[in-house]
N, C-alpha and C. Protein backbone atom coordinates (compact mmCIF):
# COMPACT_ATOMS: atom_id res chain seq x y z
N MET A 1 0.76 -1.28 0.23
CA MET A 1 -0.12 0.13 -0.02
C MET A 1 0.92 1.13 -0.01
N PHE A 2 1.82 1.49 1.00
CA PHE A 2 2.71 2.35 0.81
C PHE A 2 4.30 2.17 0.57
N GLU A 3 4.70 2.65 -0.46
CA GLU A 3 5.95 2.56 -1.15
C GLU A 3 6.81 3.63 -0.77
N THR A 4 6.47 4.73 -0.65
CA THR A 4 7.41 5.64 -0.83
C THR A 4 6.53 6.81 0.31
N VAL A 5 7.28 7.10 1.32
CA VAL A 5 6.93 7.93 2.44
C VAL A 5 8.25 9.13 2.48
N VAL A 6 7.35 10.42 2.38
CA VAL A 6 8.18 11.79 2.59
C VAL A 6 7.84 12.32 3.85
N VAL A 7 8.97 12.56 4.44
CA VAL A 7 9.09 13.01 5.74
C VAL A 7 9.58 14.65 5.67
N ALA A 8 8.68 15.60 5.70
CA ALA A 8 9.18 16.98 5.77
C ALA A 8 9.66 17.28 7.07
N THR A 9 11.06 17.47 7.32
CA THR A 9 11.47 18.05 8.64
C THR A 9 12.20 19.52 8.34
N ASP A 10 12.09 20.06 9.84
CA ASP A 10 12.68 21.40 9.96
C ASP A 10 13.67 21.05 11.31
N GLY A 11 13.39 19.86 11.77
CA GLY A 11 14.42 19.69 13.16
C GLY A 11 13.62 20.11 14.63
N SER A 12 12.38 20.38 14.13
CA SER A 12 11.22 20.94 15.39
C SER A 12 10.93 19.62 16.15
N GLU A 13 10.63 19.83 17.32
CA GLU A 13 10.01 18.99 18.21
C GLU A 13 8.78 18.19 17.57
N SER A 14 7.98 18.95 17.07
CA SER A 14 6.75 18.38 16.14
C SER A 14 7.22 17.47 15.14
N VAL A 15 8.16 17.73 14.66
CA VAL A 15 8.40 16.75 13.60
C VAL A 15 9.20 15.56 14.18
N ARG A 16 9.57 15.56 15.01
CA ARG A 16 10.30 14.18 15.73
C ARG A 16 8.99 13.14 16.08
N ARG A 17 8.07 13.45 16.36
CA ARG A 17 6.86 12.69 16.34
C ARG A 17 6.30 12.15 15.13
N ALA A 18 6.42 13.19 14.26
CA ALA A 18 5.92 12.56 12.75
C ALA A 18 6.89 11.65 12.40
N VAL A 19 8.54 11.74 12.37
CA VAL A 19 9.26 11.10 12.12
C VAL A 19 8.95 9.33 12.62
N ASP A 20 8.80 9.44 13.83
CA ASP A 20 8.61 8.15 14.64
C ASP A 20 7.27 7.48 13.82
N VAL A 21 6.28 8.20 13.77
CA VAL A 21 5.02 7.80 13.13
C VAL A 21 5.46 7.23 11.66
N ALA A 22 6.17 8.01 10.92
CA ALA A 22 6.38 7.56 9.63
C ALA A 22 7.31 6.17 9.49
N ALA A 23 8.38 6.48 10.41
CA ALA A 23 9.23 5.10 10.63
C ALA A 23 8.38 3.96 10.86
N ASP A 24 7.45 4.01 11.72
CA ASP A 24 6.92 3.03 12.03
C ASP A 24 6.16 2.56 10.59
N LEU A 25 5.28 3.63 10.19
CA LEU A 25 4.38 3.14 8.98
C LEU A 25 5.30 2.48 7.79
N ALA A 26 6.60 3.39 7.73
CA ALA A 26 7.49 2.84 6.54
C ALA A 26 7.66 1.28 7.00
N ALA A 27 8.08 0.92 8.09
CA ALA A 27 8.63 -0.56 8.59
C ALA A 27 7.33 -1.30 8.64
N ARG A 28 6.18 -1.15 8.57
CA ARG A 28 5.04 -1.95 8.55
C ARG A 28 4.96 -2.34 6.82
N PHE A 29 5.11 -1.36 5.91
CA PHE A 29 4.77 -1.65 4.77
C PHE A 29 6.13 -1.71 4.03
N GLY A 30 7.47 -1.77 4.55
CA GLY A 30 8.69 -1.86 3.99
C GLY A 30 8.74 -0.84 2.95
N ALA A 31 8.37 0.35 3.26
CA ALA A 31 8.53 1.67 2.20
C ALA A 31 9.96 2.17 2.50
N THR A 32 10.06 2.95 1.33
CA THR A 32 11.29 3.70 1.39
C THR A 32 10.95 5.19 2.03
N VAL A 33 12.14 5.80 2.81
CA VAL A 33 11.35 7.11 3.40
C VAL A 33 12.51 8.03 2.76
N HIS A 34 11.87 9.26 2.35
CA HIS A 34 12.61 10.19 2.07
C HIS A 34 12.14 11.37 3.09
N ALA A 35 13.64 12.01 3.41
CA ALA A 35 13.53 12.97 4.15
C ALA A 35 13.83 14.33 3.53
N LEU A 36 12.97 15.38 3.62
CA LEU A 36 13.25 16.52 2.84
C LEU A 36 13.05 17.76 3.82
N SER A 37 14.32 18.40 3.81
CA SER A 37 14.26 19.73 4.68
C SER A 37 14.49 20.90 3.70
N VAL A 38 13.56 22.01 3.98
CA VAL A 38 13.51 23.38 2.99
C VAL A 38 14.32 24.37 3.56
N VAL A 39 15.16 24.83 2.99
CA VAL A 39 15.55 26.47 3.45
C VAL A 39 14.77 27.32 3.19
N ASP A 40 14.19 28.09 3.84
CA ASP A 40 12.93 29.05 3.36
C ASP A 40 13.63 30.10 2.97
N THR A 41 13.80 30.42 1.49
CA THR A 41 14.01 31.72 0.93
C THR A 41 13.49 33.02 1.24
N ASP A 42 12.27 32.82 1.52
CA ASP A 42 11.66 34.13 2.03
C ASP A 42 12.30 34.31 3.57
N GLU A 43 12.28 33.63 4.41
CA GLU A 43 13.08 33.70 5.63
C GLU A 43 14.47 34.55 5.08
N VAL A 44 15.32 34.04 4.53
CA VAL A 44 16.51 34.56 4.26
C VAL A 44 16.26 36.03 3.33
N ASP A 45 15.23 36.02 2.35
CA ASP A 45 15.39 37.35 1.68
C ASP A 45 14.80 38.61 2.43
N GLY A 46 13.99 38.16 3.69
CA GLY A 46 13.59 39.14 4.60
C GLY A 46 14.63 39.53 5.59
N ALA A 47 15.71 39.08 5.60
CA ALA A 47 16.88 39.55 6.53
C ALA A 47 17.38 40.83 6.05
N PRO A 48 18.01 41.70 7.06
CA PRO A 48 18.74 42.69 6.07
C PRO A 48 20.12 42.02 5.31
N GLU A 49 20.40 42.78 4.52
CA GLU A 49 21.49 42.19 3.25
C GLU A 49 22.62 42.02 4.12
N SER A 50 23.06 42.44 4.73
CA SER A 50 24.15 42.32 5.58
C SER A 50 24.48 41.07 6.28
N VAL A 51 23.19 40.08 6.52
CA VAL A 51 23.53 39.15 7.20
C VAL A 51 22.65 37.85 6.58
N ARG A 52 22.40 38.32 5.34
CA ARG A 52 21.73 37.24 4.45
C ARG A 52 22.59 36.00 4.21
N GLU A 53 23.80 35.95 3.70
CA GLU A 53 24.65 34.93 3.82
C GLU A 53 24.89 34.10 4.91
N ASP A 54 25.08 34.86 6.23
CA ASP A 54 25.48 33.92 7.15
C ASP A 54 24.00 33.18 7.68
N LEU A 55 23.16 33.63 7.17
CA LEU A 55 21.92 33.41 7.64
C LEU A 55 21.33 32.16 6.60
N LYS A 56 21.59 31.96 5.51
CA LYS A 56 21.69 31.17 4.38
C LYS A 56 22.36 29.91 5.10
N GLN A 57 23.44 30.28 5.38
CA GLN A 57 24.63 29.10 5.43
C GLN A 57 24.08 28.14 6.72
N ALA A 58 23.78 29.42 7.95
CA ALA A 58 23.14 28.61 9.05
C ALA A 58 21.82 27.63 9.04
N LEU A 59 20.81 28.35 8.22
CA LEU A 59 19.97 27.66 7.83
C LEU A 59 19.79 26.26 7.06
N THR A 60 20.84 26.68 6.18
CA THR A 60 21.42 25.24 5.24
C THR A 60 21.85 24.20 6.10
N GLU A 61 22.74 24.71 7.18
CA GLU A 61 23.28 23.63 8.44
C GLU A 61 22.16 23.12 9.00
N ASN A 62 21.47 23.85 9.35
CA ASN A 62 20.38 23.36 10.39
C ASN A 62 19.34 22.44 9.23
N ALA A 63 18.98 22.66 8.40
CA ALA A 63 18.33 21.82 7.51
C ALA A 63 18.87 20.42 7.04
N ALA A 64 20.45 20.43 6.90
CA ALA A 64 21.13 19.29 6.60
C ALA A 64 21.03 18.45 7.97
N GLU A 65 21.13 19.07 9.32
CA GLU A 65 21.33 18.43 10.30
C GLU A 65 19.69 17.59 10.54
N ALA A 66 18.82 18.50 10.45
CA ALA A 66 17.28 17.71 10.26
C ALA A 66 17.12 16.76 9.67
N ALA A 67 17.55 16.79 8.29
CA ALA A 67 17.23 15.68 7.45
C ALA A 67 18.27 14.30 7.95
N ALA A 68 19.18 14.77 8.42
CA ALA A 68 20.25 13.62 8.70
C ALA A 68 19.76 13.04 10.11
N ALA A 69 18.85 13.86 11.08
CA ALA A 69 18.47 13.16 12.28
C ALA A 69 17.19 12.42 11.89
N VAL A 70 16.33 12.35 10.77
CA VAL A 70 15.63 11.52 10.21
C VAL A 70 16.34 10.05 9.77
N ASP A 71 17.36 10.22 9.30
CA ASP A 71 18.40 8.94 8.97
C ASP A 71 18.79 8.59 9.89
N ASP A 72 18.80 8.81 11.06
CA ASP A 72 19.36 8.39 12.53
C ASP A 72 18.22 7.59 13.28
N ARG A 73 16.93 8.19 12.89
CA ARG A 73 15.69 7.61 13.60
C ARG A 73 14.96 6.60 12.78
N VAL A 74 15.33 6.35 11.77
CA VAL A 74 14.68 5.18 10.71
C VAL A 74 15.75 4.11 10.58
N ALA A 75 15.16 3.16 10.84
CA ALA A 75 15.66 1.71 10.63
C ALA A 75 15.78 1.37 9.09
N GLY A 76 17.12 1.05 8.49
CA GLY A 76 16.89 0.71 6.94
C GLY A 76 17.32 1.82 6.06
N GLY A 77 17.70 3.18 6.48
CA GLY A 77 18.37 4.07 5.68
C GLY A 77 17.00 5.08 5.46
N VAL A 78 17.56 5.94 4.95
CA VAL A 78 16.48 7.28 4.19
C VAL A 78 17.32 8.04 3.14
N GLU A 79 16.43 8.38 2.39
CA GLU A 79 17.00 9.24 1.14
C GLU A 79 16.94 10.91 1.75
N THR A 80 18.10 11.62 1.72
CA THR A 80 17.73 12.95 2.43
C THR A 80 17.92 13.65 1.23
N GLN A 81 17.18 15.03 1.23
CA GLN A 81 17.60 16.22 0.66
C GLN A 81 17.34 17.24 1.09
N VAL A 82 17.77 18.21 1.02
CA VAL A 82 18.04 19.62 1.66
C VAL A 82 17.61 20.63 -0.12
N VAL A 83 16.72 21.32 -0.05
CA VAL A 83 16.35 22.31 -1.10
C VAL A 83 16.12 23.79 -0.73
N GLU A 84 16.44 24.75 -1.43
CA GLU A 84 15.74 26.00 -1.17
C GLU A 84 14.44 26.18 -1.77
N GLY A 85 14.04 27.10 -0.91
CA GLY A 85 12.38 27.67 -1.87
C GLY A 85 11.37 27.91 -0.46
N ARG A 86 10.24 28.06 -0.83
CA ARG A 86 9.07 28.14 -0.25
C ARG A 86 8.47 26.89 0.48
N PRO A 87 8.57 26.48 1.73
CA PRO A 87 8.35 25.27 2.13
C PRO A 87 7.18 24.23 1.53
N ALA A 88 6.22 25.02 1.81
CA ALA A 88 5.02 24.22 1.28
C ALA A 88 4.99 23.76 -0.24
N PRO A 89 5.45 24.57 -1.15
CA PRO A 89 5.21 24.20 -2.61
C PRO A 89 6.64 23.33 -2.60
N GLU A 90 7.74 23.43 -2.06
CA GLU A 90 8.70 22.71 -2.18
C GLU A 90 8.43 20.99 -2.01
N ILE A 91 7.66 21.00 -0.74
CA ILE A 91 7.51 19.45 -0.29
C ILE A 91 6.51 19.19 -1.39
N VAL A 92 5.42 19.92 -1.43
CA VAL A 92 4.40 19.21 -2.64
C VAL A 92 5.44 18.67 -3.87
N SER A 93 6.26 19.50 -4.11
CA SER A 93 6.80 19.55 -5.52
C SER A 93 7.98 18.10 -5.17
N HIS A 94 8.12 17.77 -4.23
CA HIS A 94 9.21 16.85 -3.98
C HIS A 94 8.47 15.46 -4.08
N ALA A 95 7.11 15.51 -3.32
CA ALA A 95 6.23 14.38 -3.11
C ALA A 95 5.75 13.95 -4.47
N ARG A 96 5.43 15.00 -5.47
CA ARG A 96 5.46 14.52 -6.71
C ARG A 96 6.68 13.91 -7.51
N ALA A 97 7.66 14.18 -7.38
CA ALA A 97 8.91 14.09 -7.67
C ALA A 97 9.70 12.56 -7.56
N VAL A 98 9.28 12.12 -6.32
CA VAL A 98 9.46 10.87 -6.06
C VAL A 98 8.29 9.86 -6.01
N ASP A 99 7.29 10.20 -6.34
CA ASP A 99 6.16 9.62 -6.84
C ASP A 99 5.60 8.97 -5.47
N ALA A 100 5.44 9.74 -4.23
CA ALA A 100 5.06 9.53 -2.76
C ALA A 100 3.89 9.12 -2.75
N ASP A 101 3.60 7.95 -1.93
CA ASP A 101 2.13 7.81 -1.11
C ASP A 101 1.66 8.51 -0.04
N VAL A 102 2.48 8.99 0.68
CA VAL A 102 2.11 9.75 1.81
C VAL A 102 3.09 10.61 2.21
N VAL A 103 2.94 11.89 2.80
CA VAL A 103 3.81 12.94 3.11
C VAL A 103 3.61 13.15 4.72
N ALA A 104 4.48 12.90 5.57
CA ALA A 104 4.35 13.04 7.25
C ALA A 104 4.78 14.33 7.39
N MET A 105 4.55 15.10 8.21
CA MET A 105 4.84 16.05 8.98
C MET A 105 4.41 16.49 10.35
N GLY A 106 4.96 17.44 10.81
CA GLY A 106 4.39 17.76 11.95
C GLY A 106 3.37 19.06 11.97
N THR A 107 2.82 19.44 12.84
CA THR A 107 2.08 20.39 12.72
C THR A 107 2.17 21.94 13.12
N ARG A 108 3.23 21.91 13.90
CA ARG A 108 3.80 23.34 13.92
C ARG A 108 5.56 23.15 13.96
N GLY A 109 5.95 24.28 13.15
CA GLY A 109 7.38 23.94 12.91
C GLY A 109 8.17 24.59 14.07
N ARG A 110 9.36 25.24 13.32
CA ARG A 110 10.33 25.97 14.15
C ARG A 110 9.72 27.36 14.84
N HIS A 111 9.08 27.86 14.01
CA HIS A 111 8.47 28.98 14.36
C HIS A 111 7.56 28.99 15.49
N GLY A 112 7.26 27.84 15.68
CA GLY A 112 6.08 27.57 17.14
C GLY A 112 4.86 27.80 16.62
N GLU A 113 4.79 28.10 15.13
CA GLU A 113 2.84 28.42 14.90
C GLU A 113 2.20 27.76 15.64
N ASN A 114 1.01 28.51 15.81
CA ASN A 114 -0.01 28.00 16.71
C ASN A 114 -1.24 28.48 15.98
N ARG A 115 -1.43 28.25 14.59
CA ARG A 115 -2.48 28.77 14.07
C ARG A 115 -3.57 28.18 13.93
N PHE A 116 -4.66 28.05 15.00
CA PHE A 116 -5.77 27.30 15.66
C PHE A 116 -4.91 25.83 15.95
N LEU A 117 -4.98 25.02 15.00
CA LEU A 117 -4.45 23.77 15.45
C LEU A 117 -3.29 23.10 14.63
N VAL A 118 -3.30 23.73 13.37
CA VAL A 118 -2.34 23.38 12.39
C VAL A 118 -1.34 24.58 11.79
N GLY A 119 -0.28 24.29 11.45
CA GLY A 119 0.82 25.51 11.25
C GLY A 119 0.30 25.87 9.73
N SER A 120 0.83 26.97 9.47
CA SER A 120 0.38 27.56 7.96
C SER A 120 1.00 26.65 6.83
N VAL A 121 2.23 26.08 6.99
CA VAL A 121 2.77 25.32 6.17
C VAL A 121 2.14 23.87 5.80
N ALA A 122 1.88 23.27 7.20
CA ALA A 122 1.06 22.21 7.15
C ALA A 122 -0.16 22.25 6.49
N GLU A 123 -0.68 23.33 6.64
CA GLU A 123 -2.19 23.66 6.35
C GLU A 123 -1.83 23.87 4.72
N ARG A 124 -0.85 24.60 4.05
CA ARG A 124 -0.73 24.61 2.55
C ARG A 124 -0.58 23.39 1.80
N VAL A 125 0.34 22.76 2.78
CA VAL A 125 0.62 21.20 2.13
C VAL A 125 -0.69 20.47 2.23
N VAL A 126 -1.34 20.30 2.88
CA VAL A 126 -2.69 19.44 3.18
C VAL A 126 -3.49 20.03 2.08
N ARG A 127 -3.81 21.32 1.60
CA ARG A 127 -4.71 21.66 0.77
C ARG A 127 -4.12 21.61 -0.75
N THR A 128 -2.87 21.59 -1.08
CA THR A 128 -2.26 21.41 -2.15
C THR A 128 -1.49 20.08 -2.76
N CYS A 129 -1.36 19.39 -1.77
CA CYS A 129 -0.48 18.12 -2.09
C CYS A 129 -1.49 16.84 -2.75
N PRO A 130 -1.13 16.33 -3.70
CA PRO A 130 -2.01 15.33 -4.62
C PRO A 130 -2.02 14.03 -4.05
N VAL A 131 -1.04 13.73 -2.79
CA VAL A 131 -1.26 12.77 -2.34
C VAL A 131 -1.66 13.03 -0.64
N PRO A 132 -2.03 11.91 0.18
CA PRO A 132 -2.22 12.03 1.51
C PRO A 132 -1.11 12.93 2.42
N VAL A 133 -1.67 13.48 2.99
CA VAL A 133 -0.74 14.11 4.20
C VAL A 133 -0.90 13.77 5.46
N LEU A 134 -0.11 13.09 6.31
CA LEU A 134 -0.17 12.53 7.57
C LEU A 134 0.42 13.62 8.65
N THR A 135 -0.45 14.41 9.18
CA THR A 135 -0.06 15.56 10.09
C THR A 135 -0.03 14.78 11.38
N VAL A 136 1.02 15.21 12.25
CA VAL A 136 1.34 14.47 13.87
C VAL A 136 1.45 15.65 14.49
N ARG A 137 0.73 15.89 15.31
CA ARG A 137 0.73 17.03 16.38
C ARG A 137 1.61 16.49 17.62
N GLN A 138 2.48 17.70 18.15
CA GLN A 138 3.01 17.58 19.37
C GLN A 138 2.03 17.68 20.65
N LEU A 139 2.28 16.35 21.30
CA LEU A 139 1.97 16.39 22.66
C LEU A 139 2.58 17.12 23.84
N ASP A 140 1.75 18.00 24.18
CA ASP A 140 2.42 18.75 25.75
C ASP A 140 2.09 17.86 26.76
N ALA A 141 2.93 17.76 27.62
CA ALA A 141 2.86 17.14 28.98
C ALA A 141 1.67 16.54 29.66
N SER A 142 0.90 17.37 29.49
CA SER A 142 -0.45 17.18 30.21
C SER A 142 -0.99 16.25 29.33
N THR A 143 -1.07 16.64 27.96
CA THR A 143 -2.18 15.74 26.86
C THR A 143 -1.19 14.28 27.07
N ALA A 144 -0.11 14.47 27.34
CA ALA A 144 0.52 12.97 27.14
C ALA A 144 0.26 12.23 28.46
N GLU A 145 0.26 12.92 29.77
CA GLU A 145 -0.26 12.18 30.86
C GLU A 145 -1.64 11.78 30.87
N ASP A 146 -2.46 12.38 30.09
CA ASP A 146 -3.90 12.22 29.99
C ASP A 146 -4.29 10.86 29.38
N GLY A 147 -3.10 9.89 28.84
CA GLY A 147 -3.48 8.60 28.63
C GLY A 147 -3.29 8.76 26.79
N GLU A 148 -3.10 9.69 26.41
CA GLU A 148 -2.87 9.48 24.51
C GLU A 148 -1.38 8.84 24.38
N GLN A 149 -1.48 8.07 23.34
CA GLN A 149 -0.40 7.31 23.04
C GLN A 149 0.73 7.84 21.98
N ASP A 150 1.59 7.62 22.05
CA ASP A 150 2.73 8.22 21.11
C ASP A 150 2.27 8.37 19.61
N GLY A 151 1.17 7.30 19.32
CA GLY A 151 1.10 6.80 18.01
C GLY A 151 -0.18 7.98 17.57
N ASP A 152 -0.57 8.52 18.45
CA ASP A 152 -2.04 9.40 18.05
C ASP A 152 -1.72 10.31 16.98
N VAL A 153 -2.56 10.38 15.98
CA VAL A 153 -2.27 11.32 14.95
C VAL A 153 -3.51 12.11 14.61
N ALA A 154 -3.13 13.63 14.24
CA ALA A 154 -4.25 13.98 13.47
C ALA A 154 -3.94 14.47 11.92
N SER A 155 -4.99 14.20 11.43
CA SER A 155 -4.86 14.08 9.76
C SER A 155 -6.05 14.90 9.27
């Protein structure tokens, strides 16, 4: 059923749970996992010109570390890629390019978006992606204590 799983990662805590859920899904179906991290060009372009190169380099390093972290958490290896662009369109484009069966991602990213329940990038991907998108929310301490299991997801 699932042969290719794309995990969109920015290294945030929310994504760590999505990685775990995607790894479990991939293991159950013998799927290939692709970790994608996007260097947000809007973030770079919005910075003062004097710091743009340093910011771009730092964001690229963080993106590479985030993708590598997925590889560390998934048994069987992961195909990793770091790209530059706007996150939502790049994630959708990558899903199409690798013929993904599902995209897994957290609901809140590095910026701690709390736009209702789903972050703006996740919302855009859900609305525009041609394949199912598995959104995994981060549990806070009180929710986890109330008996929700690590595998509970919102999609």
